[in-house]
């Protein structure tokens, strides 16, 4: 139930459901991607969870991160977006409908949580 292009790598133990993976995408061991689009040359490291999100190209999502959330009780789609070249450090949680701007670096995350509907930009 997903579109996975040539050159995408899905590691053992990872799950991809109802999603689109572009060329050069890497999904690490035990990572989960659901109802998301991940563009070219992006990395989802081990243990990370990406749900209902659009991840632009050349993004790195660190180990054990939580990006977006599928909440059937909430109104609207609540799509989380991560801009081109962003680097999300290990263990960060980015809430439902949040926006991470392009080229955001790991040192810009002063907290381990970007709340629902919040924005973090350069």
Protein backbone atom coordinates (compact mmCIF):
# COMPACT_ATOMS: atom_id res chain seq x y z
CA UNK A 1 0.00 0.00 0.00
CA UNK A 2 3.02 2.29 -0.54
CA UNK A 3 5.00 3.68 -3.48
CA UNK A 4 8.69 2.96 -2.96
CA UNK A 5 11.03 4.09 -5.73
CA UNK A 6 14.29 2.53 -6.86
CA UNK A 7 17.14 3.51 -4.60
CA UNK A 8 15.10 3.71 -1.40
CA UNK A 9 16.45 1.55 1.41
CA UNK A 10 14.22 0.04 4.09
CA UNK A 11 16.20 -1.62 6.87
CA UNK A 12 15.21 -4.89 8.55
CA UNK A 13 12.48 -4.43 11.13
CA UNK A 14 11.29 -1.11 9.65
CA UNK A 15 7.65 -0.61 8.59
CA UNK A 16 6.32 1.57 5.78
CA UNK A 17 2.53 1.90 5.43
CA UNK A 18 0.47 4.00 2.99
CA UNK A 19 3.46 6.20 2.14
CA UNK A 20 5.64 7.44 -0.72
CA UNK A 21 9.44 7.12 -0.59
CA UNK A 22 11.59 8.94 -3.18
CA UNK A 23 15.01 7.81 -4.48
CA UNK A 24 17.82 7.81 -1.92
CA UNK A 25 15.52 7.64 1.11
CA UNK A 26 16.85 5.57 4.00
CA UNK A 27 14.57 4.09 6.66
CA UNK A 28 16.56 2.76 9.62
CA UNK A 29 16.01 -0.43 11.64
CA UNK A 30 12.76 -0.53 13.62
CA UNK A 31 11.64 2.85 12.23
CA UNK A 32 7.97 3.33 11.30
CA UNK A 33 6.63 5.50 8.47
CA UNK A 34 2.85 5.83 8.10
CA UNK A 35 0.74 7.94 5.75
CA UNK A 36 3.72 10.12 4.82
CA UNK A 37 5.71 11.41 1.86
CA UNK A 38 9.49 11.46 2.14
CA UNK A 39 11.46 13.18 -0.59
CA UNK A 40 14.89 12.46 -2.09
CA UNK A 41 17.97 11.67 0.01
CA UNK A 42 16.28 11.93 3.40
CA UNK A 43 17.17 9.75 6.38
CA UNK A 44 14.86 8.36 9.05
CA UNK A 45 17.17 6.86 11.64
CA UNK A 46 16.62 3.75 13.78
CA UNK A 47 13.59 3.69 16.03
CA UNK A 48 12.08 6.90 14.63
CA UNK A 49 8.35 7.21 13.91
CA UNK A 50 6.97 9.42 11.12
CA UNK A 51 3.18 9.69 10.85
CA UNK A 52 1.10 11.81 8.49
CA UNK A 53 4.04 14.02 7.50
CA UNK A 54 5.66 15.51 4.43
CA UNK A 55 9.45 15.42 4.68
CA UNK A 56 11.33 17.48 2.09
CA UNK A 57 14.64 16.44 0.51
CA UNK A 58 17.95 16.03 2.35
CA UNK A 59 16.33 15.88 5.80
CA UNK A 60 17.80 13.88 8.67
CA UNK A 61 15.44 12.60 11.36
CA UNK A 62 17.46 11.35 14.32
CA UNK A 63 17.19 8.13 16.29
CA UNK A 64 13.95 7.62 18.24
CA UNK A 65 12.32 10.85 17.00
CA UNK A 66 8.54 11.19 16.73
CA UNK A 67 7.39 13.28 13.78
CA UNK A 68 3.64 13.93 13.42
CA UNK A 69 0.79 11.85 14.72
CA UNK A 70 -2.26 10.09 13.37
CA UNK A 71 -5.16 11.04 15.62
CA UNK A 72 -8.52 9.79 14.32
CA UNK A 73 -10.36 11.86 16.97
CA UNK A 74 -8.85 15.20 15.88
CA UNK A 75 -10.33 17.48 13.24
CA UNK A 76 -8.55 17.87 9.90
CA UNK A 77 -5.55 16.00 8.60
CA UNK A 78 -2.97 17.65 10.86
CA UNK A 79 -0.09 17.15 8.44
CA UNK A 80 3.35 17.83 9.89
CA UNK A 81 5.94 19.30 7.49
CA UNK A 82 9.73 19.32 7.62
CA UNK A 83 11.58 21.66 5.23
CA UNK A 84 14.49 20.93 2.93
CA UNK A 85 17.81 20.19 4.61
CA UNK A 86 16.47 20.21 8.17
CA UNK A 87 18.31 18.19 10.82
CA UNK A 88 16.20 16.89 13.68
CA UNK A 89 18.32 15.61 16.58
CA UNK A 90 17.84 12.29 18.35
CA UNK A 91 14.81 11.89 20.59
CA UNK A 92 12.90 15.01 19.47
CA UNK A 93 9.11 14.96 19.22
CA UNK A 94 7.46 17.14 16.57
CA UNK A 95 3.72 17.35 17.15
CA UNK A 96 0.77 16.93 14.84
CA UNK A 97 0.48 19.78 12.33
CA UNK A 98 3.80 21.36 13.35
CA UNK A 99 6.12 22.99 10.80
CA UNK A 100 9.90 22.67 10.79
CA UNK A 101 11.34 25.18 8.31
CA UNK A 102 14.07 24.55 5.75
CA UNK A 103 17.69 24.30 6.89
CA UNK A 104 16.84 24.13 10.60
CA UNK A 105 19.88 22.65 12.36
CA UNK A 106 20.04 20.37 15.38
CA UNK A 107 21.34 23.16 17.65
CA UNK A 108 18.13 25.18 17.08
CA UNK A 109 16.09 22.64 19.05
CA UNK A 110 16.36 24.13 22.55
CA UNK A 111 13.66 21.73 23.74
CA UNK A 112 13.00 18.11 22.86
CA UNK A 113 9.39 18.93 21.84
CA UNK A 114 7.87 21.09 19.12
CA UNK A 115 4.20 21.19 20.09
CA UNK A 116 1.13 20.55 17.98
CA UNK A 117 0.68 23.24 15.34
CA UNK A 118 3.88 25.09 16.36
CA UNK A 119 6.57 26.35 13.97
CA UNK A 120 10.37 26.27 14.22
CA UNK A 121 12.20 28.26 11.55
CA UNK A 122 15.69 29.46 10.88
